[in-house]
Amino acid sequence: MKIILSSLAVGAGFGAATSLVNALSSPYGDLGAPLTGTVWAGAAKVLSLLMDAGWAWAALAVAMGWLAGTRALGALVGALALIAATGAYYVTDALVWEAGTEMVRWWVAGLPLGLALGAVGAAIRRPGLTGLLAALTVPVGAAVQMVVLPPGPHLTLTPATVLAEVIVWTASALGAGWAVCRFWSTKRAATAG
């Protein structure tokens, strides 16, 4: 029960924080306008580019599934985290931007994706190839998104977009490296034991 409540709380916090960071990063909103031209505006833009990316939302569901430990519970908490994040994101958007919502559409997409990604997160704990592939899901997904849809596509390169790209590529490489090192160390331990 604790992991279920935690997934709802973490998801809601992530969704609300993503919406707030988006508002702070925009010079066109009430929250972001006063920050225009400051270091805080640049930091908010980098955070916005990182948090509002598909791979970051996928990482939320995978992380909650990993924390749950079992495939069934991981699937449940992955879906709950994405549903809570979506709800909090759009409620915060409505409060901050007075924006309309596409919440139901994203809930419909988030439910099956959250179930799958939560189960993947739980599978990270498994030894062997299954655990390796599960652990590579987020780093590879982030790298693919960087190629297909990099931060701030169709925009002029800015320091914020370059920094966001460097952070994502570095984190992807480190995450993939961790997954491969973990795979080989558990394989060596199994053959030695």
N, C-alpha and C. Protein backbone atom coordinates (compact mmCIF):
# COMPACT_ATOMS: atom_id res chain seq x y z
N MET A 1 0.82 -1.20 0.00
CA MET A 1 0.00 0.00 0.00
C MET A 1 0.87 1.27 0.00
N LYS A 2 2.00 1.18 0.71
CA LYS A 2 2.88 2.34 0.79
C LYS A 2 3.43 2.72 -0.58
N ILE A 3 3.81 1.71 -1.39
CA ILE A 3 4.36 1.99 -2.71
C ILE A 3 3.29 2.58 -3.62
N ILE A 4 2.04 2.19 -3.43
CA ILE A 4 0.95 2.74 -4.25
C ILE A 4 0.76 4.22 -3.93
N LEU A 5 0.72 4.54 -2.66
CA LEU A 5 0.58 5.94 -2.26
C LEU A 5 1.81 6.75 -2.69
N SER A 6 2.97 6.14 -2.58
CA SER A 6 4.20 6.82 -3.00
C SER A 6 4.18 7.11 -4.49
N SER A 7 3.70 6.14 -5.29
CA SER A 7 3.68 6.37 -6.74
C SER A 7 2.72 7.49 -7.10
N LEU A 8 1.60 7.58 -6.39
CA LEU A 8 0.66 8.67 -6.64
C LEU A 8 1.28 10.01 -6.25
N ALA A 9 1.95 10.04 -5.09
CA ALA A 9 2.56 11.28 -4.62
C ALA A 9 3.72 11.71 -5.52
N VAL A 10 4.58 10.77 -5.86
CA VAL A 10 5.73 11.11 -6.71
C VAL A 10 5.25 11.54 -8.09
N GLY A 11 4.27 10.82 -8.63
CA GLY A 11 3.73 11.18 -9.94
C GLY A 11 3.12 12.57 -9.92
N ALA A 12 2.30 12.85 -8.91
CA ALA A 12 1.66 14.17 -8.81
C ALA A 12 2.72 15.26 -8.65
N GLY A 13 3.72 15.01 -7.84
CA GLY A 13 4.80 15.99 -7.67
C GLY A 13 5.55 16.24 -8.96
N PHE A 14 5.84 15.17 -9.70
CA PHE A 14 6.55 15.31 -10.97
C PHE A 14 5.72 16.10 -11.98
N GLY A 15 4.46 15.76 -12.09
CA GLY A 15 3.59 16.46 -13.04
C GLY A 15 3.44 17.94 -12.72
N ALA A 16 3.19 18.24 -11.44
CA ALA A 16 3.03 19.64 -11.04
C ALA A 16 4.34 20.40 -11.22
N ALA A 17 5.46 19.78 -10.86
CA ALA A 17 6.76 20.44 -11.00
C ALA A 17 7.07 20.71 -12.47
N THR A 18 6.74 19.76 -13.34
CA THR A 18 6.98 19.95 -14.78
C THR A 18 6.19 21.14 -15.31
N SER A 19 4.93 21.22 -14.93
CA SER A 19 4.10 22.35 -15.38
C SER A 19 4.64 23.67 -14.84
N LEU A 20 5.03 23.70 -13.57
CA LEU A 20 5.57 24.94 -12.99
C LEU A 20 6.88 25.35 -13.65
N VAL A 21 7.75 24.39 -13.90
CA VAL A 21 9.02 24.71 -14.55
C VAL A 21 8.77 25.23 -15.97
N ASN A 22 7.80 24.64 -16.67
CA ASN A 22 7.44 25.16 -17.99
C ASN A 22 6.98 26.61 -17.90
N ALA A 23 6.16 26.90 -16.90
CA ALA A 23 5.65 28.27 -16.72
C ALA A 23 6.78 29.23 -16.38
N LEU A 24 7.71 28.79 -15.55
CA LEU A 24 8.84 29.64 -15.17
C LEU A 24 9.79 29.87 -16.35
N SER A 25 9.84 28.92 -17.28
CA SER A 25 10.79 29.04 -18.39
C SER A 25 10.25 29.90 -19.53
N SER A 26 8.97 30.23 -19.50
CA SER A 26 8.38 31.00 -20.60
C SER A 26 8.35 32.49 -20.28
N PRO A 27 8.90 33.30 -21.15
CA PRO A 27 8.84 34.74 -20.92
C PRO A 27 7.45 35.32 -21.18
N TYR A 28 6.52 34.49 -21.64
CA TYR A 28 5.18 34.97 -22.00
C TYR A 28 4.15 34.78 -20.89
N GLY A 29 4.52 34.12 -19.81
CA GLY A 29 3.58 33.88 -18.72
C GLY A 29 3.85 34.78 -17.54
N ASP A 30 2.89 34.83 -16.64
CA ASP A 30 3.03 35.67 -15.45
C ASP A 30 4.20 35.24 -14.56
N LEU A 31 4.46 33.92 -14.49
CA LEU A 31 5.55 33.45 -13.64
C LEU A 31 6.92 33.64 -14.29
N GLY A 32 7.00 33.44 -15.59
CA GLY A 32 8.29 33.50 -16.27
C GLY A 32 8.74 34.89 -16.69
N ALA A 33 7.79 35.77 -16.94
CA ALA A 33 8.14 37.11 -17.43
C ALA A 33 9.13 37.84 -16.51
N PRO A 34 8.93 37.83 -15.18
CA PRO A 34 9.89 38.54 -14.33
C PRO A 34 11.31 37.94 -14.35
N LEU A 35 11.43 36.68 -14.77
CA LEU A 35 12.73 36.03 -14.78
C LEU A 35 13.49 36.24 -16.09
N THR A 36 12.83 36.81 -17.09
CA THR A 36 13.43 36.95 -18.41
C THR A 36 14.79 37.64 -18.32
N GLY A 37 15.78 37.01 -18.97
CA GLY A 37 17.12 37.57 -19.00
C GLY A 37 17.97 37.25 -17.80
N THR A 38 17.45 36.50 -16.83
CA THR A 38 18.23 36.15 -15.65
C THR A 38 18.77 34.74 -15.77
N VAL A 39 19.69 34.42 -14.89
CA VAL A 39 20.23 33.06 -14.85
C VAL A 39 19.12 32.06 -14.49
N TRP A 40 18.14 32.52 -13.73
CA TRP A 40 17.03 31.64 -13.33
C TRP A 40 16.18 31.25 -14.52
N ALA A 41 16.02 32.14 -15.46
CA ALA A 41 15.26 31.83 -16.68
C ALA A 41 15.98 30.74 -17.47
N GLY A 42 17.29 30.85 -17.57
CA GLY A 42 18.07 29.82 -18.26
C GLY A 42 17.99 28.48 -17.56
N ALA A 43 18.09 28.49 -16.23
CA ALA A 43 17.99 27.24 -15.47
C ALA A 43 16.60 26.62 -15.64
N ALA A 44 15.57 27.46 -15.60
CA ALA A 44 14.21 26.96 -15.78
C ALA A 44 14.03 26.36 -17.17
N LYS A 45 14.65 26.97 -18.17
CA LYS A 45 14.53 26.46 -19.54
C LYS A 45 15.18 25.09 -19.66
N VAL A 46 16.37 24.92 -19.07
CA VAL A 46 17.04 23.62 -19.11
C VAL A 46 16.18 22.58 -18.41
N LEU A 47 15.69 22.91 -17.22
CA LEU A 47 14.82 21.97 -16.49
C LEU A 47 13.57 21.65 -17.28
N SER A 48 13.00 22.63 -17.92
CA SER A 48 11.80 22.41 -18.73
C SER A 48 12.09 21.44 -19.87
N LEU A 49 13.21 21.64 -20.55
CA LEU A 49 13.58 20.76 -21.65
C LEU A 49 13.83 19.33 -21.18
N LEU A 50 14.33 19.18 -19.96
CA LEU A 50 14.60 17.85 -19.41
C LEU A 50 13.33 17.18 -18.88
N MET A 51 12.54 17.92 -18.12
CA MET A 51 11.38 17.32 -17.46
C MET A 51 10.19 17.10 -18.39
N ASP A 52 10.06 17.91 -19.41
CA ASP A 52 8.91 17.81 -20.28
C ASP A 52 9.18 16.93 -21.50
N ALA A 53 10.16 16.06 -21.39
CA ALA A 53 10.50 15.14 -22.47
C ALA A 53 9.85 13.78 -22.22
N GLY A 54 9.52 13.10 -23.28
CA GLY A 54 8.88 11.80 -23.16
C GLY A 54 9.70 10.80 -22.38
N TRP A 55 11.02 10.81 -22.57
CA TRP A 55 11.86 9.86 -21.86
C TRP A 55 11.82 10.10 -20.35
N ALA A 56 11.66 11.36 -19.92
CA ALA A 56 11.62 11.65 -18.48
C ALA A 56 10.34 11.09 -17.87
N TRP A 57 9.23 11.21 -18.60
CA TRP A 57 7.97 10.65 -18.11
C TRP A 57 8.04 9.12 -18.09
N ALA A 58 8.69 8.54 -19.10
CA ALA A 58 8.89 7.09 -19.12
C ALA A 58 9.76 6.66 -17.94
N ALA A 59 10.80 7.45 -17.65
CA ALA A 59 11.69 7.15 -16.53
C ALA A 59 10.93 7.16 -15.21
N LEU A 60 9.94 8.04 -15.08
CA LEU A 60 9.11 8.06 -13.87
C LEU A 60 8.43 6.72 -13.67
N ALA A 61 7.78 6.19 -14.70
CA ALA A 61 7.08 4.91 -14.59
C ALA A 61 8.06 3.76 -14.35
N VAL A 62 9.20 3.79 -15.03
CA VAL A 62 10.21 2.74 -14.85
C VAL A 62 10.77 2.77 -13.43
N ALA A 63 11.07 3.95 -12.93
CA ALA A 63 11.61 4.07 -11.56
C ALA A 63 10.61 3.56 -10.52
N MET A 64 9.35 3.89 -10.69
CA MET A 64 8.35 3.42 -9.73
C MET A 64 8.21 1.90 -9.82
N GLY A 65 8.27 1.34 -11.02
CA GLY A 65 8.23 -0.11 -11.17
C GLY A 65 9.43 -0.78 -10.53
N TRP A 66 10.59 -0.16 -10.68
CA TRP A 66 11.80 -0.69 -10.05
C TRP A 66 11.66 -0.70 -8.53
N LEU A 67 11.12 0.38 -7.99
CA LEU A 67 10.93 0.45 -6.54
C LEU A 67 9.93 -0.59 -6.05
N ALA A 68 8.91 -0.89 -6.85
CA ALA A 68 7.90 -1.85 -6.46
C ALA A 68 8.47 -3.27 -6.37
N GLY A 69 9.34 -3.61 -7.31
CA GLY A 69 10.02 -4.90 -7.24
C GLY A 69 9.38 -6.04 -8.00
N THR A 70 8.08 -6.19 -7.97
CA THR A 70 7.44 -7.29 -8.69
C THR A 70 6.78 -6.77 -9.95
N ARG A 71 6.65 -7.64 -10.93
CA ARG A 71 6.12 -7.22 -12.22
C ARG A 71 4.69 -6.67 -12.11
N ALA A 72 3.82 -7.37 -11.41
CA ALA A 72 2.42 -6.93 -11.31
C ALA A 72 2.32 -5.60 -10.56
N LEU A 73 2.97 -5.52 -9.41
CA LEU A 73 2.93 -4.29 -8.64
C LEU A 73 3.66 -3.17 -9.38
N GLY A 74 4.76 -3.51 -10.05
CA GLY A 74 5.49 -2.51 -10.83
C GLY A 74 4.63 -1.92 -11.93
N ALA A 75 3.88 -2.79 -12.62
CA ALA A 75 2.99 -2.31 -13.68
C ALA A 75 1.94 -1.37 -13.10
N LEU A 76 1.36 -1.76 -11.96
CA LEU A 76 0.33 -0.93 -11.34
C LEU A 76 0.87 0.43 -10.93
N VAL A 77 1.99 0.45 -10.24
CA VAL A 77 2.50 1.74 -9.75
C VAL A 77 3.06 2.59 -10.89
N GLY A 78 3.57 1.96 -11.94
CA GLY A 78 4.01 2.72 -13.12
C GLY A 78 2.84 3.46 -13.75
N ALA A 79 1.73 2.75 -13.89
CA ALA A 79 0.53 3.38 -14.47
C ALA A 79 -0.02 4.46 -13.55
N LEU A 80 -0.09 4.18 -12.26
CA LEU A 80 -0.61 5.17 -11.31
C LEU A 80 0.26 6.42 -11.29
N ALA A 81 1.57 6.25 -11.37
CA ALA A 81 2.47 7.41 -11.37
C ALA A 81 2.22 8.29 -12.59
N LEU A 82 2.05 7.67 -13.76
CA LEU A 82 1.80 8.47 -14.96
C LEU A 82 0.42 9.12 -14.93
N ILE A 83 -0.56 8.42 -14.41
CA ILE A 83 -1.91 9.00 -14.30
C ILE A 83 -1.90 10.19 -13.33
N ALA A 84 -1.24 10.02 -12.20
CA ALA A 84 -1.16 11.12 -11.23
C ALA A 84 -0.36 12.28 -11.79
N ALA A 85 0.74 11.98 -12.49
CA ALA A 85 1.56 13.04 -13.08
C ALA A 85 0.77 13.82 -14.12
N THR A 86 0.03 13.11 -14.94
CA THR A 86 -0.77 13.77 -15.98
C THR A 86 -1.84 14.66 -15.35
N GLY A 87 -2.53 14.13 -14.36
CA GLY A 87 -3.57 14.92 -13.68
C GLY A 87 -3.00 16.17 -13.05
N ALA A 88 -1.90 16.01 -12.32
CA ALA A 88 -1.29 17.17 -11.65
C ALA A 88 -0.74 18.16 -12.66
N TYR A 89 -0.18 17.67 -13.75
CA TYR A 89 0.36 18.55 -14.79
C TYR A 89 -0.74 19.44 -15.35
N TYR A 90 -1.85 18.85 -15.73
CA TYR A 90 -2.92 19.63 -16.36
C TYR A 90 -3.68 20.50 -15.38
N VAL A 91 -3.81 20.06 -14.15
CA VAL A 91 -4.44 20.91 -13.13
C VAL A 91 -3.56 22.12 -12.88
N THR A 92 -2.26 21.90 -12.75
CA THR A 92 -1.33 23.01 -12.54
C THR A 92 -1.32 23.93 -13.76
N ASP A 93 -1.32 23.36 -14.96
CA ASP A 93 -1.40 24.18 -16.17
C ASP A 93 -2.64 25.06 -16.16
N ALA A 94 -3.77 24.50 -15.75
CA ALA A 94 -5.01 25.28 -15.70
C ALA A 94 -4.90 26.42 -14.70
N LEU A 95 -4.23 26.17 -13.58
CA LEU A 95 -4.08 27.21 -12.56
C LEU A 95 -3.06 28.27 -12.96
N VAL A 96 -1.96 27.86 -13.54
CA VAL A 96 -0.86 28.77 -13.86
C VAL A 96 -1.08 29.50 -15.18
N TRP A 97 -1.55 28.78 -16.18
CA TRP A 97 -1.70 29.34 -17.52
C TRP A 97 -3.14 29.61 -17.90
N GLU A 98 -4.06 29.14 -17.09
CA GLU A 98 -5.48 29.15 -17.43
C GLU A 98 -5.67 28.43 -18.77
N ALA A 99 -4.93 27.33 -18.91
CA ALA A 99 -4.93 26.58 -20.16
C ALA A 99 -5.99 25.48 -20.12
N GLY A 100 -6.45 25.10 -21.28
CA GLY A 100 -7.33 23.95 -21.40
C GLY A 100 -6.50 22.69 -21.21
N THR A 101 -7.18 21.56 -21.14
CA THR A 101 -6.43 20.35 -20.90
C THR A 101 -6.72 19.30 -21.96
N GLU A 102 -5.77 18.44 -22.12
CA GLU A 102 -5.91 17.23 -22.92
C GLU A 102 -5.69 16.04 -22.00
N MET A 103 -6.10 16.20 -20.75
CA MET A 103 -5.81 15.23 -19.72
C MET A 103 -6.36 13.85 -20.05
N VAL A 104 -7.58 13.75 -20.50
CA VAL A 104 -8.18 12.44 -20.75
C VAL A 104 -7.42 11.71 -21.85
N ARG A 105 -7.05 12.41 -22.88
CA ARG A 105 -6.29 11.79 -23.98
C ARG A 105 -4.97 11.22 -23.47
N TRP A 106 -4.28 11.99 -22.62
CA TRP A 106 -3.01 11.51 -22.09
C TRP A 106 -3.20 10.43 -21.04
N TRP A 107 -4.31 10.43 -20.32
CA TRP A 107 -4.60 9.32 -19.41
C TRP A 107 -4.79 8.03 -20.20
N VAL A 108 -5.49 8.12 -21.31
CA VAL A 108 -5.73 6.94 -22.15
C VAL A 108 -4.39 6.39 -22.66
N ALA A 109 -3.48 7.26 -23.04
CA ALA A 109 -2.15 6.82 -23.49
C ALA A 109 -1.29 6.37 -22.32
N GLY A 110 -1.39 7.07 -21.19
CA GLY A 110 -0.54 6.79 -20.05
C GLY A 110 -0.83 5.47 -19.35
N LEU A 111 -2.07 5.03 -19.41
CA LEU A 111 -2.41 3.78 -18.72
C LEU A 111 -1.66 2.58 -19.29
N PRO A 112 -1.79 2.28 -20.58
CA PRO A 112 -1.04 1.11 -21.08
C PRO A 112 0.48 1.32 -21.07
N LEU A 113 0.92 2.55 -21.36
CA LEU A 113 2.36 2.82 -21.32
C LEU A 113 2.89 2.68 -19.90
N GLY A 114 2.15 3.19 -18.92
CA GLY A 114 2.57 3.07 -17.53
C GLY A 114 2.63 1.63 -17.07
N LEU A 115 1.65 0.83 -17.48
CA LEU A 115 1.66 -0.59 -17.13
C LEU A 115 2.91 -1.28 -17.69
N ALA A 116 3.19 -1.02 -18.97
CA ALA A 116 4.35 -1.65 -19.61
C ALA A 116 5.66 -1.15 -19.00
N LEU A 117 5.78 0.16 -18.84
CA LEU A 117 7.02 0.72 -18.31
C LEU A 117 7.25 0.36 -16.85
N GLY A 118 6.18 0.29 -16.07
CA GLY A 118 6.32 -0.15 -14.68
C GLY A 118 6.80 -1.59 -14.60
N ALA A 119 6.27 -2.45 -15.47
CA ALA A 119 6.72 -3.85 -15.50
C ALA A 119 8.18 -3.93 -15.93
N VAL A 120 8.57 -3.08 -16.88
CA VAL A 120 9.98 -3.02 -17.30
C VAL A 120 10.85 -2.60 -16.11
N GLY A 121 10.40 -1.62 -15.35
CA GLY A 121 11.17 -1.18 -14.18
C GLY A 121 11.37 -2.31 -13.18
N ALA A 122 10.33 -3.09 -12.94
CA ALA A 122 10.46 -4.22 -12.02
C ALA A 122 11.43 -5.27 -12.56
N ALA A 123 11.49 -5.41 -13.88
CA ALA A 123 12.38 -6.40 -14.50
C ALA A 123 13.85 -6.02 -14.40
N ILE A 124 14.15 -4.78 -14.10
CA ILE A 124 15.55 -4.36 -13.95
C ILE A 124 16.24 -5.19 -12.88
N ARG A 125 15.50 -5.60 -11.87
CA ARG A 125 16.08 -6.38 -10.77
C ARG A 125 16.48 -7.79 -11.19
N ARG A 126 15.97 -8.25 -12.31
CA ARG A 126 16.25 -9.62 -12.74
C ARG A 126 17.67 -9.72 -13.29
N PRO A 127 18.31 -10.84 -13.04
CA PRO A 127 19.65 -11.03 -13.60
C PRO A 127 19.56 -11.40 -15.08
N GLY A 128 20.68 -11.36 -15.74
CA GLY A 128 20.74 -11.81 -17.11
C GLY A 128 20.28 -10.79 -18.12
N LEU A 129 19.97 -11.30 -19.30
CA LEU A 129 19.62 -10.45 -20.43
C LEU A 129 18.33 -9.67 -20.19
N THR A 130 17.39 -10.26 -19.48
CA THR A 130 16.13 -9.57 -19.18
C THR A 130 16.39 -8.30 -18.37
N GLY A 131 17.18 -8.43 -17.33
CA GLY A 131 17.52 -7.27 -16.51
C GLY A 131 18.31 -6.23 -17.28
N LEU A 132 19.21 -6.68 -18.15
CA LEU A 132 20.00 -5.76 -18.97
C LEU A 132 19.11 -4.96 -19.91
N LEU A 133 18.23 -5.66 -20.63
CA LEU A 133 17.35 -4.96 -21.57
C LEU A 133 16.42 -4.00 -20.84
N ALA A 134 15.92 -4.41 -19.69
CA ALA A 134 15.05 -3.52 -18.92
C ALA A 134 15.82 -2.29 -18.46
N ALA A 135 17.06 -2.48 -18.00
CA ALA A 135 17.87 -1.36 -17.52
C ALA A 135 18.28 -0.42 -18.65
N LEU A 136 18.31 -0.92 -19.87
CA LEU A 136 18.68 -0.09 -21.02
C LEU A 136 17.49 0.69 -21.59
N THR A 137 16.29 0.40 -21.14
CA THR A 137 15.09 1.02 -21.72
C THR A 137 15.14 2.54 -21.67
N VAL A 138 15.37 3.11 -20.52
CA VAL A 138 15.36 4.57 -20.40
C VAL A 138 16.58 5.20 -21.08
N PRO A 139 17.80 4.71 -20.85
CA PRO A 139 18.93 5.34 -21.55
C PRO A 139 18.82 5.27 -23.08
N VAL A 140 18.41 4.13 -23.60
CA VAL A 140 18.27 4.01 -25.05
C VAL A 140 17.10 4.86 -25.54
N GLY A 141 16.00 4.86 -24.79
CA GLY A 141 14.85 5.68 -25.16
C GLY A 141 15.20 7.16 -25.19
N ALA A 142 15.98 7.61 -24.22
CA ALA A 142 16.40 9.02 -24.19
C ALA A 142 17.30 9.33 -25.38
N ALA A 143 18.22 8.41 -25.70
CA ALA A 143 19.11 8.64 -26.85
C ALA A 143 18.32 8.68 -28.16
N VAL A 144 17.36 7.77 -28.30
CA VAL A 144 16.53 7.77 -29.51
C VAL A 144 15.75 9.07 -29.61
N GLN A 145 15.19 9.52 -28.50
CA GLN A 145 14.45 10.78 -28.53
C GLN A 145 15.36 11.94 -28.88
N MET A 146 16.60 11.91 -28.44
CA MET A 146 17.54 12.98 -28.77
C MET A 146 17.81 13.04 -30.28
N VAL A 147 17.78 11.89 -30.94
CA VAL A 147 18.01 11.85 -32.38
C VAL A 147 16.75 12.27 -33.13
N VAL A 148 15.61 11.70 -32.71
CA VAL A 148 14.36 11.92 -33.43
C VAL A 148 13.72 13.27 -33.08
N LEU A 149 13.74 13.63 -31.81
CA LEU A 149 13.08 14.85 -31.35
C LEU A 149 13.92 15.49 -30.24
N PRO A 150 15.02 16.15 -30.61
CA PRO A 150 15.89 16.74 -29.59
C PRO A 150 15.20 17.90 -28.86
N PRO A 151 15.76 18.31 -27.73
CA PRO A 151 15.16 19.43 -26.99
C PRO A 151 15.07 20.67 -27.87
N GLY A 152 13.92 21.28 -27.85
CA GLY A 152 13.73 22.51 -28.61
C GLY A 152 13.91 22.31 -30.10
N PRO A 153 13.24 21.31 -30.71
CA PRO A 153 13.44 21.11 -32.14
C PRO A 153 12.97 22.33 -32.94
N HIS A 154 13.59 22.53 -34.07
CA HIS A 154 13.25 23.62 -34.98
C HIS A 154 13.55 25.00 -34.38
N LEU A 155 14.32 25.04 -33.34
CA LEU A 155 14.69 26.31 -32.73
C LEU A 155 16.16 26.57 -32.97
N THR A 156 16.51 27.80 -32.88
CA THR A 156 17.92 28.15 -32.93
C THR A 156 18.59 27.59 -31.69
N LEU A 157 19.80 27.08 -31.84
CA LEU A 157 20.50 26.56 -30.68
C LEU A 157 20.75 27.67 -29.67
N THR A 158 20.43 27.38 -28.44
CA THR A 158 20.68 28.30 -27.35
C THR A 158 21.53 27.58 -26.32
N PRO A 159 22.13 28.31 -25.40
CA PRO A 159 22.89 27.63 -24.35
C PRO A 159 22.02 26.63 -23.57
N ALA A 160 20.75 26.95 -23.36
CA ALA A 160 19.87 26.04 -22.62
C ALA A 160 19.64 24.74 -23.37
N THR A 161 19.41 24.82 -24.68
CA THR A 161 19.18 23.58 -25.43
C THR A 161 20.46 22.76 -25.54
N VAL A 162 21.59 23.43 -25.72
CA VAL A 162 22.86 22.70 -25.78
C VAL A 162 23.14 22.01 -24.45
N LEU A 163 22.95 22.72 -23.34
CA LEU A 163 23.18 22.12 -22.03
C LEU A 163 22.22 20.95 -21.79
N ALA A 164 20.96 21.11 -22.16
CA ALA A 164 20.00 20.00 -21.99
C ALA A 164 20.43 18.79 -22.81
N GLU A 165 20.89 19.01 -24.03
CA GLU A 165 21.36 17.90 -24.86
C GLU A 165 22.57 17.22 -24.24
N VAL A 166 23.51 17.99 -23.74
CA VAL A 166 24.70 17.42 -23.11
C VAL A 166 24.30 16.59 -21.89
N ILE A 167 23.37 17.10 -21.09
CA ILE A 167 22.93 16.37 -19.90
C ILE A 167 22.26 15.05 -20.30
N VAL A 168 21.40 15.09 -21.29
CA VAL A 168 20.69 13.87 -21.70
C VAL A 168 21.67 12.85 -22.29
N TRP A 169 22.56 13.29 -23.18
CA TRP A 169 23.52 12.35 -23.75
C TRP A 169 24.44 11.76 -22.68
N THR A 170 24.88 12.59 -21.76
CA THR A 170 25.75 12.11 -20.68
C THR A 170 25.02 11.13 -19.79
N ALA A 171 23.80 11.46 -19.39
CA ALA A 171 23.02 10.57 -18.54
C ALA A 171 22.69 9.27 -19.26
N SER A 172 22.41 9.35 -20.55
CA SER A 172 22.14 8.13 -21.33
C SER A 172 23.37 7.22 -21.37
N ALA A 173 24.51 7.82 -21.62
CA ALA A 173 25.74 7.02 -21.66
C ALA A 173 26.05 6.41 -20.30
N LEU A 174 25.91 7.20 -19.24
CA LEU A 174 26.16 6.67 -17.89
C LEU A 174 25.16 5.57 -17.52
N GLY A 175 23.89 5.78 -17.86
CA GLY A 175 22.87 4.78 -17.57
C GLY A 175 23.11 3.49 -18.32
N ALA A 176 23.45 3.59 -19.60
CA ALA A 176 23.75 2.39 -20.39
C ALA A 176 25.02 1.71 -19.87
N GLY A 177 26.02 2.51 -19.52
CA GLY A 177 27.24 1.94 -18.95
C GLY A 177 26.99 1.21 -17.66
N TRP A 178 26.16 1.79 -16.78
CA TRP A 178 25.80 1.12 -15.53
C TRP A 178 25.11 -0.20 -15.81
N ALA A 179 24.17 -0.20 -16.76
CA ALA A 179 23.41 -1.41 -17.07
C ALA A 179 24.33 -2.52 -17.57
N VAL A 180 25.25 -2.17 -18.46
CA VAL A 180 26.16 -3.17 -19.02
C VAL A 180 27.13 -3.67 -17.94
N CYS A 181 27.69 -2.77 -17.14
CA CYS A 181 28.60 -3.18 -16.05
C CYS A 181 27.88 -4.09 -15.06
N ARG A 182 26.66 -3.75 -14.72
CA ARG A 182 25.87 -4.58 -13.79
C ARG A 182 25.64 -5.96 -14.39
N PHE A 183 25.30 -6.00 -15.67
CA PHE A 183 25.08 -7.27 -16.36
C PHE A 183 26.32 -8.15 -16.29
N TRP A 184 27.49 -7.57 -16.65
CA TRP A 184 28.71 -8.36 -16.66
C TRP A 184 29.16 -8.78 -15.26
N SER A 185 28.96 -7.91 -14.28
CA SER A 185 29.37 -8.28 -12.91
C SER A 185 28.48 -9.37 -12.34
N THR A 186 27.18 -9.34 -12.62
CA THR A 186 26.31 -10.42 -12.13
C THR A 186 26.57 -11.71 -12.90
N LYS A 187 26.93 -11.60 -14.17
CA LYS A 187 27.26 -12.80 -14.96
C LYS A 187 28.54 -13.44 -14.44
N ARG A 188 29.55 -12.60 -14.14
CA ARG A 188 30.81 -13.13 -13.57
C ARG A 188 30.57 -13.76 -12.22
N ALA A 189 29.76 -13.10 -11.39
CA ALA A 189 29.47 -13.63 -10.06
C ALA A 189 28.73 -14.97 -10.15
N ALA A 190 27.85 -15.10 -11.14
CA ALA A 190 27.11 -16.37 -11.30
C ALA A 190 28.02 -17.49 -11.77
N THR A 191 28.97 -17.19 -12.65
CA THR A 191 29.87 -18.23 -13.13
C THR A 191 30.93 -18.57 -12.10
N ALA A 192 31.30 -17.60 -11.26
CA ALA A 192 32.29 -17.85 -10.22
C ALA A 192 31.71 -18.64 -9.06
N GLY A 193 30.39 -18.46 -8.82
CA GLY A 193 29.75 -19.07 -7.66
C GLY A 193 29.18 -20.36 -7.99
